[in-house]
Amino acid sequence: MTSAPPPAPPSTAAPDRPLRILLVDDNADLLDAISGILRSMGHIIRTAGDGPSALALALDFCPEVVFLDIGLPCMDGYEVARRLRALPGGARIFLVALTGSVQREDRWKATEAGFDHFLAKPASGREIRSVLNQFRGLPS
């Protein structure tokens, strides 16, 4: 059993600076809903519907935060998280697991794969804002 990488350090970005956020989910309606919430907060959003697309996009986009579904086709979110962590700069990405399953084992597996935070779907705008504040080192 390998230990999880250390959590990404809080961002030193100004609290009002837009973040580069990658949102990965195979549910188009969920992508639209969460990307709309994030855009309304002023962030720069890119979306992907599967793991390979997310990894390719991450290389060019260099996201600061990734909201990543666990139950993806082709490659599950745990594997995508491990591969994101292996990219240059991947240790600095703030990884947020999105899942419909909130069992203790799921949280443990997410931590082992390198996730910094865990959100149950559907996540509310308040929960998303709280996670982004945590990344920035701000109070929720």
C-alpha atoms as a PDB file:
ATOM      1  CA  MET A   1       0.000   0.000   0.000  1.00  0.00           C
ATOM      2  CA  THR A   2       1.408   3.373  -1.015  1.00  0.00           C
ATOM      3  CA  SER A   3       0.848   6.533   0.918  1.00  0.00           C
ATOM      4  CA  ALA A   4      -1.062   9.424  -0.581  1.00  0.00           C
ATOM      5  CA  PRO A   5       0.921  12.434  -1.757  1.00  0.00           C
ATOM      6  CA  PRO A   6       0.934  15.382   0.595  1.00  0.00           C
ATOM      7  CA  PRO A   7      -2.080  17.648   0.121  1.00  0.00           C
ATOM      8  CA  ALA A   8      -1.672  20.505  -2.296  1.00  0.00           C
ATOM      9  CA  PRO A   9      -0.635  23.638  -0.429  1.00  0.00           C
ATOM     10  CA  PRO A  10      -3.189  26.411  -0.202  1.00  0.00           C
ATOM     11  CA  SER A  11      -2.988  28.775  -3.113  1.00  0.00           C
ATOM     12  CA  THR A  12      -1.336  32.120  -2.595  1.00  0.00           C
ATOM     13  CA  ALA A  13      -3.538  33.584  -5.332  1.00  0.00           C
ATOM     14  CA  ALA A  14      -5.507  36.715  -4.653  1.00  0.00           C
ATOM     15  CA  PRO A  15      -8.991  35.764  -3.441  1.00  0.00           C
ATOM     16  CA  ASP A  16     -10.682  37.473  -6.363  1.00  0.00           C
ATOM     17  CA  ARG A  17      -8.388  36.137  -9.115  1.00  0.00           C
ATOM     18  CA  PRO A  18     -10.112  33.679 -11.461  1.00  0.00           C
ATOM     19  CA  LEU A  19      -8.895  30.096 -11.089  1.00  0.00           C
ATOM     20  CA  ARG A  20      -8.197  27.675 -13.934  1.00  0.00           C
ATOM     21  CA  ILE A  21     -10.580  24.815 -13.191  1.00  0.00           C
ATOM     22  CA  LEU A  22     -10.949  21.528 -15.041  1.00  0.00           C
ATOM     23  CA  LEU A  23     -14.277  19.780 -14.555  1.00  0.00           C
ATOM     24  CA  VAL A  24     -14.406  16.088 -15.522  1.00  0.00           C
ATOM     25  CA  ASP A  25     -17.648  14.103 -15.633  1.00  0.00           C
ATOM     26  CA  ASP A  26     -19.407  11.865 -18.152  1.00  0.00           C
ATOM     27  CA  ASN A  27     -22.792  13.399 -17.300  1.00  0.00           C
ATOM     28  CA  ALA A  28     -23.304  16.344 -19.680  1.00  0.00           C
ATOM     29  CA  ASP A  29     -26.090  17.867 -17.550  1.00  0.00           C
ATOM     30  CA  LEU A  30     -23.880  17.859 -14.472  1.00  0.00           C
ATOM     31  CA  LEU A  31     -20.998  19.374 -16.456  1.00  0.00           C
ATOM     32  CA  ASP A  32     -23.292  22.174 -17.616  1.00  0.00           C
ATOM     33  CA  ALA A  33     -24.661  22.820 -14.132  1.00  0.00           C
ATOM     34  CA  ILE A  34     -21.330  22.899 -12.286  1.00  0.00           C
ATOM     35  CA  SER A  35     -19.501  24.765 -15.037  1.00  0.00           C
ATOM     36  CA  GLY A  36     -22.280  27.377 -14.928  1.00  0.00           C
ATOM     37  CA  ILE A  37     -21.819  27.763 -11.163  1.00  0.00           C
ATOM     38  CA  LEU A  38     -18.046  28.083 -11.542  1.00  0.00           C
ATOM     39  CA  ARG A  39     -18.304  30.561 -14.427  1.00  0.00           C
ATOM     40  CA  SER A  40     -20.742  32.688 -12.424  1.00  0.00           C
ATOM     41  CA  MET A  41     -17.988  32.889  -9.789  1.00  0.00           C
ATOM     42  CA  GLY A  42     -15.663  34.256 -12.479  1.00  0.00           C
ATOM     43  CA  HIS A  43     -13.449  31.212 -13.005  1.00  0.00           C
ATOM     44  CA  ILE A  44     -11.924  29.893 -16.241  1.00  0.00           C
ATOM     45  CA  ILE A  45     -13.445  26.492 -16.943  1.00  0.00           C
ATOM     46  CA  ARG A  46     -12.589  23.602 -19.237  1.00  0.00           C
ATOM     47  CA  THR A  47     -14.566  20.364 -19.298  1.00  0.00           C
ATOM     48  CA  ALA A  48     -13.894  16.771 -20.273  1.00  0.00           C
ATOM     49  CA  GLY A  49     -16.167  13.730 -20.399  1.00  0.00           C
ATOM     50  CA  ASP A  50     -13.588  11.021 -19.792  1.00  0.00           C
ATOM     51  CA  GLY A  51     -10.169  10.363 -18.305  1.00  0.00           C
ATOM     52  CA  PRO A  52      -8.012  10.370 -21.443  1.00  0.00           C
ATOM     53  CA  SER A  53      -9.554  13.667 -22.584  1.00  0.00           C
ATOM     54  CA  ALA A  54      -9.028  15.171 -19.133  1.00  0.00           C
ATOM     55  CA  LEU A  55      -5.353  14.180 -19.080  1.00  0.00           C
ATOM     56  CA  ALA A  56      -4.744  15.624 -22.553  1.00  0.00           C
ATOM     57  CA  LEU A  57      -6.544  18.843 -21.628  1.00  0.00           C
ATOM     58  CA  ALA A  58      -4.647  19.154 -18.345  1.00  0.00           C
ATOM     59  CA  LEU A  59      -1.314  19.199 -20.184  1.00  0.00           C
ATOM     60  CA  ASP A  60      -2.261  22.344 -22.118  1.00  0.00           C
ATOM     61  CA  PHE A  61      -4.636  24.036 -19.669  1.00  0.00           C
ATOM     62  CA  CYS A  62      -2.543  23.553 -16.491  1.00  0.00           C
ATOM     63  CA  PRO A  63      -5.520  23.607 -14.101  1.00  0.00           C
ATOM     64  CA  GLU A  64      -5.133  24.773 -10.540  1.00  0.00           C
ATOM     65  CA  VAL A  65      -8.231  22.872  -9.426  1.00  0.00           C
ATOM     66  CA  VAL A  66      -9.804  19.712 -10.869  1.00  0.00           C
ATOM     67  CA  PHE A  67     -13.302  18.512  -9.975  1.00  0.00           C
ATOM     68  CA  LEU A  68     -13.146  14.859 -11.015  1.00  0.00           C
ATOM     69  CA  ASP A  69     -15.910  12.273 -11.184  1.00  0.00           C
ATOM     70  CA  ILE A  70     -14.912   8.868  -9.823  1.00  0.00           C
ATOM     71  CA  GLY A  71     -17.203   6.792 -12.084  1.00  0.00           C
ATOM     72  CA  LEU A  72     -15.837   7.652 -15.520  1.00  0.00           C
ATOM     73  CA  PRO A  73     -15.836   5.447 -18.626  1.00  0.00           C
ATOM     74  CA  CYS A  74     -12.536   4.052 -19.964  1.00  0.00           C
ATOM     75  CA  MET A  75     -10.518   5.020 -16.880  1.00  0.00           C
ATOM     76  CA  ASP A  76     -11.971   5.641 -13.429  1.00  0.00           C
ATOM     77  CA  GLY A  77     -11.360   8.847 -11.533  1.00  0.00           C
ATOM     78  CA  TYR A  78      -8.896   7.187  -9.172  1.00  0.00           C
ATOM     79  CA  GLU A  79      -6.595   6.343 -12.086  1.00  0.00           C
ATOM     80  CA  VAL A  80      -7.058   9.793 -13.615  1.00  0.00           C
ATOM     81  CA  ALA A  81      -6.093  11.348 -10.255  1.00  0.00           C
ATOM     82  CA  ARG A  82      -2.933   9.235 -10.032  1.00  0.00           C
ATOM     83  CA  ARG A  83      -1.962  10.215 -13.583  1.00  0.00           C
ATOM     84  CA  LEU A  84      -2.696  13.905 -12.958  1.00  0.00           C
ATOM     85  CA  ARG A  85      -0.427  13.781  -9.905  1.00  0.00           C
ATOM     86  CA  ALA A  86       2.338  12.293 -12.103  1.00  0.00           C
ATOM     87  CA  LEU A  87       2.211  15.194 -14.589  1.00  0.00           C
ATOM     88  CA  PRO A  88       4.726  18.036 -14.303  1.00  0.00           C
ATOM     89  CA  GLY A  89       3.213  20.345 -11.681  1.00  0.00           C
ATOM     90  CA  GLY A  90       0.630  17.704 -10.766  1.00  0.00           C
ATOM     91  CA  ALA A  91       1.471  17.857  -7.077  1.00  0.00           C
ATOM     92  CA  ARG A  92       0.189  21.456  -6.984  1.00  0.00           C
ATOM     93  CA  ILE A  93      -3.236  20.634  -8.460  1.00  0.00           C
ATOM     94  CA  PHE A  94      -6.080  20.726  -5.936  1.00  0.00           C
ATOM     95  CA  LEU A  95      -8.026  17.530  -6.729  1.00  0.00           C
ATOM     96  CA  VAL A  96     -11.672  17.274  -5.718  1.00  0.00           C
ATOM     97  CA  ALA A  97     -13.429  13.905  -6.020  1.00  0.00           C
ATOM     98  CA  LEU A  98     -17.043  14.085  -7.190  1.00  0.00           C
ATOM     99  CA  THR A  99     -19.085  10.969  -6.563  1.00  0.00           C
ATOM    100  CA  GLY A 100     -22.537   9.669  -5.870  1.00  0.00           C
ATOM    101  CA  SER A 101     -21.116   7.161  -3.383  1.00  0.00           C
ATOM    102  CA  VAL A 102     -20.039   8.532  -0.019  1.00  0.00           C
ATOM    103  CA  GLN A 103     -19.044   5.383   1.827  1.00  0.00           C
ATOM    104  CA  ARG A 104     -15.994   5.391   4.107  1.00  0.00           C
ATOM    105  CA  GLU A 105     -14.157   3.065   1.689  1.00  0.00           C
ATOM    106  CA  ASP A 106     -14.767   5.514  -1.190  1.00  0.00           C
ATOM    107  CA  ARG A 107     -13.234   8.356   0.811  1.00  0.00           C
ATOM    108  CA  TRP A 108     -10.252   6.189   1.717  1.00  0.00           C
ATOM    109  CA  LYS A 109      -9.722   5.196  -1.943  1.00  0.00           C
ATOM    110  CA  ALA A 110      -9.954   8.851  -2.991  1.00  0.00           C
ATOM    111  CA  THR A 111      -7.316   9.845  -0.444  1.00  0.00           C
ATOM    112  CA  GLU A 112      -5.061   6.991  -1.566  1.00  0.00           C
ATOM    113  CA  ALA A 113      -5.420   8.120  -5.204  1.00  0.00           C
ATOM    114  CA  GLY A 114      -4.264  11.642  -4.298  1.00  0.00           C
ATOM    115  CA  PHE A 115      -7.479  13.621  -3.929  1.00  0.00           C
ATOM    116  CA  ASP A 116      -7.417  16.631  -1.610  1.00  0.00           C
ATOM    117  CA  HIS A 117     -11.169  16.865  -1.061  1.00  0.00           C
ATOM    118  CA  PHE A 118     -14.297  14.736  -1.501  1.00  0.00           C
ATOM    119  CA  LEU A 119     -17.745  16.021  -2.571  1.00  0.00           C
ATOM    120  CA  ALA A 120     -20.953  14.052  -2.913  1.00  0.00           C
ATOM    121  CA  LYS A 121     -22.983  14.675  -6.065  1.00  0.00           C
ATOM    122  CA  PRO A 122     -24.852  16.791  -6.683  1.00  0.00           C
ATOM    123  CA  ALA A 123     -22.658  19.441  -5.088  1.00  0.00           C
ATOM    124  CA  SER A 124     -24.285  22.766  -4.282  1.00  0.00           C
ATOM    125  CA  GLY A 125     -22.864  26.153  -5.180  1.00  0.00           C
ATOM    126  CA  ARG A 126     -22.217  26.732  -1.468  1.00  0.00           C
ATOM    127  CA  GLU A 127     -20.204  23.486  -1.200  1.00  0.00           C
ATOM    128  CA  ILE A 128     -18.220  24.316  -4.332  1.00  0.00           C
ATOM    129  CA  ARG A 129     -17.440  27.821  -3.043  1.00  0.00           C
ATOM    130  CA  SER A 130     -16.352  26.345   0.291  1.00  0.00           C
ATOM    131  CA  VAL A 131     -13.939  23.948  -1.452  1.00  0.00           C
ATOM    132  CA  LEU A 132     -12.456  26.781  -3.525  1.00  0.00           C
ATOM    133  CA  ASN A 133     -12.055  28.891  -0.378  1.00  0.00           C
ATOM    134  CA  GLN A 134     -10.243  25.979   1.247  1.00  0.00           C
ATOM    135  CA  PHE A 135      -7.877  25.844  -1.752  1.00  0.00           C
ATOM    136  CA  ARG A 136      -7.196  29.565  -1.401  1.00  0.00           C
ATOM    137  CA  GLY A 137      -6.689  29.286   2.335  1.00  0.00           C
ATOM    138  CA  LEU A 138      -9.759  31.412   3.052  1.00  0.00           C
ATOM    139  CA  PRO A 139     -12.496  30.757   5.617  1.00  0.00           C
ATOM    140  CA  SER A 140     -15.459  28.841   4.244  1.00  0.00           C
END
